[in-house]
mmCIF file of all heavy atoms, coordinates in Angstrom:
data_MODEL
# 
_entry.id   MODEL 
# 
loop_
_atom_site.group_PDB 
_atom_site.id 
_atom_site.type_symbol 
_atom_site.label_atom_id 
_atom_site.label_alt_id 
_atom_site.label_comp_id 
_atom_site.label_asym_id 
_atom_site.label_entity_id 
_atom_site.label_seq_id 
_atom_site.pdbx_PDB_ins_code 
_atom_site.Cartn_x 
_atom_site.Cartn_y 
_atom_site.Cartn_z 
_atom_site.occupancy 
_atom_site.B_iso_or_equiv 
_atom_site.pdbx_formal_charge 
_atom_site.auth_seq_id 
_atom_site.auth_comp_id 
_atom_site.auth_asym_id 
_atom_site.auth_atom_id 
_atom_site.pdbx_PDB_model_num 
ATOM 1   N N   . ASP A 1 1  ? -0.991 9.895   16.660  1.00 0.00 ? 1  ASP A N   1 
ATOM 2   C CA  . ASP A 1 1  ? -1.866 10.209  15.522  1.00 0.00 ? 1  ASP A CA  1 
ATOM 3   C C   . ASP A 1 1  ? -1.046 10.507  14.272  1.00 0.00 ? 1  ASP A C   1 
ATOM 4   O O   . ASP A 1 1  ? -1.377 10.061  13.169  1.00 0.00 ? 1  ASP A O   1 
ATOM 5   C CB  . ASP A 1 1  ? -2.760 11.405  15.836  1.00 0.00 ? 1  ASP A CB  1 
ATOM 6   C CG  . ASP A 1 1  ? -3.751 11.131  16.957  1.00 0.00 ? 1  ASP A CG  1 
ATOM 7   O OD1 . ASP A 1 1  ? -4.074 9.944   17.185  1.00 0.00 ? 1  ASP A OD1 1 
ATOM 8   O OD2 . ASP A 1 1  ? -4.192 12.099  17.604  1.00 0.00 ? 1  ASP A OD2 1 
ATOM 9   N N   . LEU A 1 2  ? 0.013  11.280  14.440  1.00 0.00 ? 2  LEU A N   1 
ATOM 10  C CA  . LEU A 1 2  ? 0.864  11.633  13.307  1.00 0.00 ? 2  LEU A CA  1 
ATOM 11  C C   . LEU A 1 2  ? 1.557  10.392  12.744  1.00 0.00 ? 2  LEU A C   1 
ATOM 12  O O   . LEU A 1 2  ? 1.670  10.216  11.530  1.00 0.00 ? 2  LEU A O   1 
ATOM 13  C CB  . LEU A 1 2  ? 1.894  12.685  13.727  1.00 0.00 ? 2  LEU A CB  1 
ATOM 14  C CG  . LEU A 1 2  ? 1.311  14.016  14.226  1.00 0.00 ? 2  LEU A CG  1 
ATOM 15  C CD1 . LEU A 1 2  ? 2.426  14.946  14.678  1.00 0.00 ? 2  LEU A CD1 1 
ATOM 16  C CD2 . LEU A 1 2  ? 0.444  14.673  13.183  1.00 0.00 ? 2  LEU A CD2 1 
ATOM 17  N N   . LYS A 1 3  ? 2.015  9.520   13.634  1.00 0.00 ? 3  LYS A N   1 
ATOM 18  C CA  . LYS A 1 3  ? 2.653  8.279   13.178  1.00 0.00 ? 3  LYS A CA  1 
ATOM 19  C C   . LYS A 1 3  ? 1.637  7.398   12.458  1.00 0.00 ? 3  LYS A C   1 
ATOM 20  O O   . LYS A 1 3  ? 1.943  6.788   11.437  1.00 0.00 ? 3  LYS A O   1 
ATOM 21  C CB  . LYS A 1 3  ? 3.265  7.522   14.351  1.00 0.00 ? 3  LYS A CB  1 
ATOM 22  C CG  . LYS A 1 3  ? 4.002  6.268   13.910  1.00 0.00 ? 3  LYS A CG  1 
ATOM 23  C CD  . LYS A 1 3  ? 4.718  5.620   15.058  1.00 0.00 ? 3  LYS A CD  1 
ATOM 24  C CE  . LYS A 1 3  ? 5.459  4.365   14.701  1.00 0.00 ? 3  LYS A CE  1 
ATOM 25  N NZ  . LYS A 1 3  ? 5.163  3.681   13.493  1.00 0.00 ? 3  LYS A NZ  1 
ATOM 26  N N   . ALA A 1 4  ? 0.415  7.344   12.954  1.00 0.00 ? 4  ALA A N   1 
ATOM 27  C CA  . ALA A 1 4  ? -0.627 6.539   12.307  1.00 0.00 ? 4  ALA A CA  1 
ATOM 28  C C   . ALA A 1 4  ? -0.927 7.057   10.903  1.00 0.00 ? 4  ALA A C   1 
ATOM 29  O O   . ALA A 1 4  ? -1.131 6.256   9.980   1.00 0.00 ? 4  ALA A O   1 
ATOM 30  C CB  . ALA A 1 4  ? -1.901 6.541   13.161  1.00 0.00 ? 4  ALA A CB  1 
ATOM 31  N N   . MET A 1 5  ? -0.937 8.386   10.716  1.00 0.00 ? 5  MET A N   1 
ATOM 32  C CA  . MET A 1 5  ? -1.160 8.945   9.382   1.00 0.00 ? 5  MET A CA  1 
ATOM 33  C C   . MET A 1 5  ? -0.070 8.492   8.424   1.00 0.00 ? 5  MET A C   1 
ATOM 34  O O   . MET A 1 5  ? -0.350 8.068   7.305   1.00 0.00 ? 5  MET A O   1 
ATOM 35  C CB  . MET A 1 5  ? -1.181 10.478  9.430   1.00 0.00 ? 5  MET A CB  1 
ATOM 36  C CG  . MET A 1 5  ? -2.496 11.063  9.831   1.00 0.00 ? 5  MET A CG  1 
ATOM 37  S SD  . MET A 1 5  ? -2.667 12.840  9.486   1.00 0.00 ? 5  MET A SD  1 
ATOM 38  C CE  . MET A 1 5  ? -1.155 13.560  10.002  1.00 0.00 ? 5  MET A CE  1 
ATOM 39  N N   . ALA A 1 6  ? 1.168  8.593   8.864   1.00 0.00 ? 6  ALA A N   1 
ATOM 40  C CA  . ALA A 1 6  ? 2.292  8.189   8.011   1.00 0.00 ? 6  ALA A CA  1 
ATOM 41  C C   . ALA A 1 6  ? 2.225  6.693   7.705   1.00 0.00 ? 6  ALA A C   1 
ATOM 42  O O   . ALA A 1 6  ? 2.439  6.273   6.563   1.00 0.00 ? 6  ALA A O   1 
ATOM 43  C CB  . ALA A 1 6  ? 3.616  8.532   8.694   1.00 0.00 ? 6  ALA A CB  1 
ATOM 44  N N   . ASP A 1 7  ? 1.911  5.888   8.705   1.00 0.00 ? 7  ASP A N   1 
ATOM 45  C CA  . ASP A 1 7  ? 1.823  4.439   8.511   1.00 0.00 ? 7  ASP A CA  1 
ATOM 46  C C   . ASP A 1 7  ? 0.701  4.071   7.535   1.00 0.00 ? 7  ASP A C   1 
ATOM 47  O O   . ASP A 1 7  ? 0.862  3.182   6.696   1.00 0.00 ? 7  ASP A O   1 
ATOM 48  C CB  . ASP A 1 7  ? 1.608  3.720   9.848   1.00 0.00 ? 7  ASP A CB  1 
ATOM 49  C CG  . ASP A 1 7  ? 2.830  3.770   10.741  1.00 0.00 ? 7  ASP A CG  1 
ATOM 50  O OD1 . ASP A 1 7  ? 3.927  4.126   10.249  1.00 0.00 ? 7  ASP A OD1 1 
ATOM 51  O OD2 . ASP A 1 7  ? 2.687  3.449   11.944  1.00 0.00 ? 7  ASP A OD2 1 
ATOM 52  N N   . ARG A 1 8  ? -0.431 4.757   7.634   1.00 0.00 ? 8  ARG A N   1 
ATOM 53  C CA  . ARG A 1 8  ? -1.561 4.478   6.736   1.00 0.00 ? 8  ARG A CA  1 
ATOM 54  C C   . ARG A 1 8  ? -1.241 4.856   5.297   1.00 0.00 ? 8  ARG A C   1 
ATOM 55  O O   . ARG A 1 8  ? -1.587 4.130   4.367   1.00 0.00 ? 8  ARG A O   1 
ATOM 56  C CB  . ARG A 1 8  ? -2.813 5.210   7.208   1.00 0.00 ? 8  ARG A CB  1 
ATOM 57  C CG  . ARG A 1 8  ? -3.428 4.576   8.423   1.00 0.00 ? 8  ARG A CG  1 
ATOM 58  C CD  . ARG A 1 8  ? -4.644 5.312   8.879   1.00 0.00 ? 8  ARG A CD  1 
ATOM 59  N NE  . ARG A 1 8  ? -5.143 4.727   10.119  1.00 0.00 ? 8  ARG A NE  1 
ATOM 60  C CZ  . ARG A 1 8  ? -5.973 5.333   10.925  1.00 0.00 ? 8  ARG A CZ  1 
ATOM 61  N NH1 . ARG A 1 8  ? -6.422 6.544   10.629  1.00 0.00 ? 8  ARG A NH1 1 
ATOM 62  N NH2 . ARG A 1 8  ? -6.375 4.747   12.019  1.00 0.00 ? 8  ARG A NH2 1 
ATOM 63  N N   . CYS A 1 9  ? -0.574 5.983   5.118   1.00 0.00 ? 9  CYS A N   1 
ATOM 64  C CA  . CYS A 1 9  ? -0.161 6.388   3.761   1.00 0.00 ? 9  CYS A CA  1 
ATOM 65  C C   . CYS A 1 9  ? 0.758  5.341   3.164   1.00 0.00 ? 9  CYS A C   1 
ATOM 66  O O   . CYS A 1 9  ? 0.586  4.914   2.015   1.00 0.00 ? 9  CYS A O   1 
ATOM 67  C CB  . CYS A 1 9  ? 0.540  7.741   3.791   1.00 0.00 ? 9  CYS A CB  1 
ATOM 68  S SG  . CYS A 1 9  ? -0.556 9.139   4.066   1.00 0.00 ? 9  CYS A SG  1 
ATOM 69  N N   . GLN A 1 10 ? 1.734  4.923   3.942   1.00 0.00 ? 10 GLN A N   1 
ATOM 70  C CA  . GLN A 1 10 ? 2.696  3.931   3.452   1.00 0.00 ? 10 GLN A CA  1 
ATOM 71  C C   . GLN A 1 10 ? 1.997  2.611   3.152   1.00 0.00 ? 10 GLN A C   1 
ATOM 72  O O   . GLN A 1 10 ? 2.242  1.997   2.109   1.00 0.00 ? 10 GLN A O   1 
ATOM 73  C CB  . GLN A 1 10 ? 3.800  3.720   4.491   1.00 0.00 ? 10 GLN A CB  1 
ATOM 74  C CG  . GLN A 1 10 ? 4.864  2.744   4.034   1.00 0.00 ? 10 GLN A CG  1 
ATOM 75  C CD  . GLN A 1 10 ? 5.951  2.539   5.069   1.00 0.00 ? 10 GLN A CD  1 
ATOM 76  O OE1 . GLN A 1 10 ? 5.758  2.800   6.252   1.00 0.00 ? 10 GLN A OE1 1 
ATOM 77  N NE2 . GLN A 1 10 ? 7.093  2.059   4.637   1.00 0.00 ? 10 GLN A NE2 1 
ATOM 78  N N   . ALA A 1 11 ? 1.119  2.168   4.031   1.00 0.00 ? 11 ALA A N   1 
ATOM 79  C CA  . ALA A 1 11 ? 0.413  0.903   3.820   1.00 0.00 ? 11 ALA A CA  1 
ATOM 80  C C   . ALA A 1 11 ? -0.469 0.966   2.573   1.00 0.00 ? 11 ALA A C   1 
ATOM 81  O O   . ALA A 1 11 ? -0.556 -0.002  1.813   1.00 0.00 ? 11 ALA A O   1 
ATOM 82  C CB  . ALA A 1 11 ? -0.423 0.553   5.049   1.00 0.00 ? 11 ALA A CB  1 
ATOM 83  N N   . ALA A 1 12 ? -1.121 2.102   2.346   1.00 0.00 ? 12 ALA A N   1 
ATOM 84  C CA  . ALA A 1 12 ? -1.992 2.238   1.172   1.00 0.00 ? 12 ALA A CA  1 
ATOM 85  C C   . ALA A 1 12 ? -1.182 2.161   -0.119  1.00 0.00 ? 12 ALA A C   1 
ATOM 86  O O   . ALA A 1 12 ? -1.567 1.468   -1.064  1.00 0.00 ? 12 ALA A O   1 
ATOM 87  C CB  . ALA A 1 12 ? -2.758 3.557   1.237   1.00 0.00 ? 12 ALA A CB  1 
ATOM 88  N N   . VAL A 1 13 ? -0.060 2.863   -0.164  1.00 0.00 ? 13 VAL A N   1 
ATOM 89  C CA  . VAL A 1 13 ? 0.781  2.856   -1.369  1.00 0.00 ? 13 VAL A CA  1 
ATOM 90  C C   . VAL A 1 13 ? 1.358  1.463   -1.613  1.00 0.00 ? 13 VAL A C   1 
ATOM 91  O O   . VAL A 1 13 ? 1.292  0.939   -2.730  1.00 0.00 ? 13 VAL A O   1 
ATOM 92  C CB  . VAL A 1 13 ? 1.897  3.918   -1.261  1.00 0.00 ? 13 VAL A CB  1 
ATOM 93  C CG1 . VAL A 1 13 ? 2.924  3.747   -2.367  1.00 0.00 ? 13 VAL A CG1 1 
ATOM 94  C CG2 . VAL A 1 13 ? 1.291  5.317   -1.311  1.00 0.00 ? 13 VAL A CG2 1 
ATOM 95  N N   . LEU A 1 14 ? 1.900  0.853   -0.572  1.00 0.00 ? 14 LEU A N   1 
ATOM 96  C CA  . LEU A 1 14 ? 2.478  -0.480  -0.732  1.00 0.00 ? 14 LEU A CA  1 
ATOM 97  C C   . LEU A 1 14 ? 1.410  -1.513  -1.088  1.00 0.00 ? 14 LEU A C   1 
ATOM 98  O O   . LEU A 1 14 ? 1.645  -2.395  -1.911  1.00 0.00 ? 14 LEU A O   1 
ATOM 99  C CB  . LEU A 1 14 ? 3.226  -0.898  0.537   1.00 0.00 ? 14 LEU A CB  1 
ATOM 100 C CG  . LEU A 1 14 ? 4.483  -0.090  0.851   1.00 0.00 ? 14 LEU A CG  1 
ATOM 101 C CD1 . LEU A 1 14 ? 5.075  -0.527  2.190   1.00 0.00 ? 14 LEU A CD1 1 
ATOM 102 C CD2 . LEU A 1 14 ? 5.507  -0.205  -0.253  1.00 0.00 ? 14 LEU A CD2 1 
ATOM 103 N N   . GLY A 1 15 ? 0.228  -1.397  -0.488  1.00 0.00 ? 15 GLY A N   1 
ATOM 104 C CA  . GLY A 1 15 ? -0.866 -2.327  -0.786  1.00 0.00 ? 15 GLY A CA  1 
ATOM 105 C C   . GLY A 1 15 ? -1.332 -2.207  -2.228  1.00 0.00 ? 15 GLY A C   1 
ATOM 106 O O   . GLY A 1 15 ? -1.568 -3.218  -2.901  1.00 0.00 ? 15 GLY A O   1 
ATOM 107 N N   . ALA A 1 16 ? -1.451 -0.983  -2.724  1.00 0.00 ? 16 ALA A N   1 
ATOM 108 C CA  . ALA A 1 16 ? -1.867 -0.786  -4.122  1.00 0.00 ? 16 ALA A CA  1 
ATOM 109 C C   . ALA A 1 16 ? -0.818 -1.328  -5.085  1.00 0.00 ? 16 ALA A C   1 
ATOM 110 O O   . ALA A 1 16 ? -1.152 -1.958  -6.093  1.00 0.00 ? 16 ALA A O   1 
ATOM 111 C CB  . ALA A 1 16 ? -2.120 0.700   -4.393  1.00 0.00 ? 16 ALA A CB  1 
ATOM 112 N N   . ALA A 1 17 ? 0.445  -1.104  -4.772  1.00 0.00 ? 17 ALA A N   1 
ATOM 113 C CA  . ALA A 1 17 ? 1.524  -1.618  -5.633  1.00 0.00 ? 17 ALA A CA  1 
ATOM 114 C C   . ALA A 1 17 ? 1.524  -3.147  -5.640  1.00 0.00 ? 17 ALA A C   1 
ATOM 115 O O   . ALA A 1 17 ? 1.640  -3.776  -6.703  1.00 0.00 ? 17 ALA A O   1 
ATOM 116 C CB  . ALA A 1 17 ? 2.871  -1.083  -5.159  1.00 0.00 ? 17 ALA A CB  1 
ATOM 117 N N   . LYS A 1 18 ? 1.363  -3.741  -4.464  1.00 0.00 ? 18 LYS A N   1 
ATOM 118 C CA  . LYS A 1 18 ? 1.355  -5.207  -4.381  1.00 0.00 ? 18 LYS A CA  1 
ATOM 119 C C   . LYS A 1 18 ? 0.146  -5.795  -5.117  1.00 0.00 ? 18 LYS A C   1 
ATOM 120 O O   . LYS A 1 18 ? 0.275  -6.772  -5.852  1.00 0.00 ? 18 LYS A O   1 
ATOM 121 C CB  . LYS A 1 18 ? 1.346  -5.656  -2.919  1.00 0.00 ? 18 LYS A CB  1 
ATOM 122 C CG  . LYS A 1 18 ? 1.413  -7.155  -2.762  1.00 0.00 ? 18 LYS A CG  1 
ATOM 123 C CD  . LYS A 1 18 ? 1.464  -7.577  -1.317  1.00 0.00 ? 18 LYS A CD  1 
ATOM 124 C CE  . LYS A 1 18 ? 1.520  -9.082  -1.229  1.00 0.00 ? 18 LYS A CE  1 
ATOM 125 N NZ  . LYS A 1 18 ? 1.500  -9.567  0.140   1.00 0.00 ? 18 LYS A NZ  1 
ATOM 126 N N   . ALA A 1 19 ? -1.015 -5.194  -4.943  1.00 0.00 ? 19 ALA A N   1 
ATOM 127 C CA  . ALA A 1 19 ? -2.227 -5.685  -5.616  1.00 0.00 ? 19 ALA A CA  1 
ATOM 128 C C   . ALA A 1 19 ? -2.075 -5.589  -7.132  1.00 0.00 ? 19 ALA A C   1 
ATOM 129 O O   . ALA A 1 19 ? -2.467 -6.506  -7.864  1.00 0.00 ? 19 ALA A O   1 
ATOM 130 C CB  . ALA A 1 19 ? -3.444 -4.890  -5.154  1.00 0.00 ? 19 ALA A CB  1 
ATOM 131 N N   . THR A 1 20 ? -1.489 -4.513  -7.610  1.00 0.00 ? 20 THR A N   1 
ATOM 132 C CA  . THR A 1 20 ? -1.286 -4.349  -9.053  1.00 0.00 ? 20 THR A CA  1 
ATOM 133 C C   . THR A 1 20 ? -0.306 -5.389  -9.577  1.00 0.00 ? 20 THR A C   1 
ATOM 134 O O   . THR A 1 20 ? -0.523 -5.980  -10.644 1.00 0.00 ? 20 THR A O   1 
ATOM 135 C CB  . THR A 1 20 ? -0.784 -2.928  -9.367  1.00 0.00 ? 20 THR A CB  1 
ATOM 136 O OG1 . THR A 1 20 ? -1.737 -1.992  -8.844  1.00 0.00 ? 20 THR A OG1 1 
ATOM 137 C CG2 . THR A 1 20 ? -0.641 -2.712  -10.855 1.00 0.00 ? 20 THR A CG2 1 
ATOM 138 N N   . ASN A 1 21 ? 0.761  -5.630  -8.836  1.00 0.00 ? 21 ASN A N   1 
ATOM 139 C CA  . ASN A 1 21 ? 1.724  -6.667  -9.247  1.00 0.00 ? 21 ASN A CA  1 
ATOM 140 C C   . ASN A 1 21 ? 1.075  -8.048  -9.298  1.00 0.00 ? 21 ASN A C   1 
ATOM 141 O O   . ASN A 1 21 ? 1.329  -8.825  -10.221 1.00 0.00 ? 21 ASN A O   1 
ATOM 142 C CB  . ASN A 1 21 ? 2.938  -6.687  -8.307  1.00 0.00 ? 21 ASN A CB  1 
ATOM 143 C CG  . ASN A 1 21 ? 3.844  -5.495  -8.519  1.00 0.00 ? 21 ASN A CG  1 
ATOM 144 O OD1 . ASN A 1 21 ? 3.866  -4.898  -9.589  1.00 0.00 ? 21 ASN A OD1 1 
ATOM 145 N ND2 . ASN A 1 21 ? 4.592  -5.148  -7.496  1.00 0.00 ? 21 ASN A ND2 1 
ATOM 146 N N   . GLU A 1 22 ? 0.225  -8.345  -8.331  1.00 0.00 ? 22 GLU A N   1 
ATOM 147 C CA  . GLU A 1 22 ? -0.483 -9.630  -8.323  1.00 0.00 ? 22 GLU A CA  1 
ATOM 148 C C   . GLU A 1 22 ? -1.428 -9.726  -9.516  1.00 0.00 ? 22 GLU A C   1 
ATOM 149 O O   . GLU A 1 22 ? -1.564 -10.790 -10.130 1.00 0.00 ? 22 GLU A O   1 
ATOM 150 C CB  . GLU A 1 22 ? -1.261 -9.810  -7.013  1.00 0.00 ? 22 GLU A CB  1 
ATOM 151 C CG  . GLU A 1 22 ? -0.380 -9.957  -5.786  1.00 0.00 ? 22 GLU A CG  1 
ATOM 152 C CD  . GLU A 1 22 ? 0.432  -11.239 -5.782  1.00 0.00 ? 22 GLU A CD  1 
ATOM 153 O OE1 . GLU A 1 22 ? -0.040 -12.271 -6.326  1.00 0.00 ? 22 GLU A OE1 1 
ATOM 154 O OE2 . GLU A 1 22 ? 1.554  -11.213 -5.239  1.00 0.00 ? 22 GLU A OE2 1 
ATOM 155 N N   . TYR A 1 23 ? -2.078 -8.630  -9.854  1.00 0.00 ? 23 TYR A N   1 
ATOM 156 C CA  . TYR A 1 23 ? -2.967 -8.586  -11.018 1.00 0.00 ? 23 TYR A CA  1 
ATOM 157 C C   . TYR A 1 23 ? -2.187 -8.894  -12.291 1.00 0.00 ? 23 TYR A C   1 
ATOM 158 O O   . TYR A 1 23 ? -2.626 -9.695  -13.120 1.00 0.00 ? 23 TYR A O   1 
ATOM 159 C CB  . TYR A 1 23 ? -3.624 -7.206  -11.103 1.00 0.00 ? 23 TYR A CB  1 
ATOM 160 C CG  . TYR A 1 23 ? -4.419 -6.974  -12.356 1.00 0.00 ? 23 TYR A CG  1 
ATOM 161 C CD1 . TYR A 1 23 ? -5.712 -7.465  -12.492 1.00 0.00 ? 23 TYR A CD1 1 
ATOM 162 C CD2 . TYR A 1 23 ? -3.871 -6.262  -13.423 1.00 0.00 ? 23 TYR A CD2 1 
ATOM 163 C CE1 . TYR A 1 23 ? -6.442 -7.250  -13.645 1.00 0.00 ? 23 TYR A CE1 1 
ATOM 164 C CE2 . TYR A 1 23 ? -4.596 -6.046  -14.580 1.00 0.00 ? 23 TYR A CE2 1 
ATOM 165 C CZ  . TYR A 1 23 ? -5.880 -6.535  -14.691 1.00 0.00 ? 23 TYR A CZ  1 
ATOM 166 O OH  . TYR A 1 23 ? -6.594 -6.324  -15.838 1.00 0.00 ? 23 TYR A OH  1 
ATOM 167 N N   . VAL A 1 24 ? -1.024 -8.260  -12.437 1.00 0.00 ? 24 VAL A N   1 
ATOM 168 C CA  . VAL A 1 24 ? -0.187 -8.493  -13.627 1.00 0.00 ? 24 VAL A CA  1 
ATOM 169 C C   . VAL A 1 24 ? 0.263  -9.950  -13.670 1.00 0.00 ? 24 VAL A C   1 
ATOM 170 O O   . VAL A 1 24 ? 0.221  -10.590 -14.735 1.00 0.00 ? 24 VAL A O   1 
ATOM 171 C CB  . VAL A 1 24 ? 1.020  -7.531  -13.640 1.00 0.00 ? 24 VAL A CB  1 
ATOM 172 C CG1 . VAL A 1 24 ? 2.026  -7.918  -14.708 1.00 0.00 ? 24 VAL A CG1 1 
ATOM 173 C CG2 . VAL A 1 24 ? 0.543  -6.099  -13.852 1.00 0.00 ? 24 VAL A CG2 1 
ATOM 174 N N   . GLN A 1 25 ? 0.679  -10.499 -12.540 1.00 0.00 ? 25 GLN A N   1 
ATOM 175 C CA  . GLN A 1 25 ? 1.091  -11.900 -12.493 1.00 0.00 ? 25 GLN A CA  1 
ATOM 176 C C   . GLN A 1 25 ? -0.070 -12.820 -12.871 1.00 0.00 ? 25 GLN A C   1 
ATOM 177 O O   . GLN A 1 25 ? 0.109  -13.805 -13.587 1.00 0.00 ? 25 GLN A O   1 
ATOM 178 C CB  . GLN A 1 25 ? 1.622  -12.269 -11.100 1.00 0.00 ? 25 GLN A CB  1 
ATOM 179 C CG  . GLN A 1 25 ? 2.980  -11.693 -10.801 1.00 0.00 ? 25 GLN A CG  1 
ATOM 180 C CD  . GLN A 1 25 ? 4.034  -12.190 -11.777 1.00 0.00 ? 25 GLN A CD  1 
ATOM 181 O OE1 . GLN A 1 25 ? 3.999  -13.313 -12.273 1.00 0.00 ? 25 GLN A OE1 1 
ATOM 182 N NE2 . GLN A 1 25 ? 4.985  -11.327 -12.079 1.00 0.00 ? 25 GLN A NE2 1 
ATOM 183 N N   . GLY A 1 26 ? -1.264 -12.510 -12.402 1.00 0.00 ? 26 GLY A N   1 
ATOM 184 C CA  . GLY A 1 26 ? -2.443 -13.300 -12.760 1.00 0.00 ? 26 GLY A CA  1 
ATOM 185 C C   . GLY A 1 26 ? -2.726 -13.244 -14.250 1.00 0.00 ? 26 GLY A C   1 
ATOM 186 O O   . GLY A 1 26 ? -3.071 -14.265 -14.868 1.00 0.00 ? 26 GLY A O   1 
# 
């Protein structure tokens, strides 16, 4: 459970950063 929390936090931050970069590229 603790590992899943850390993984979800990391995935959310990386996903938001990637989506924003794609938006800027678009």
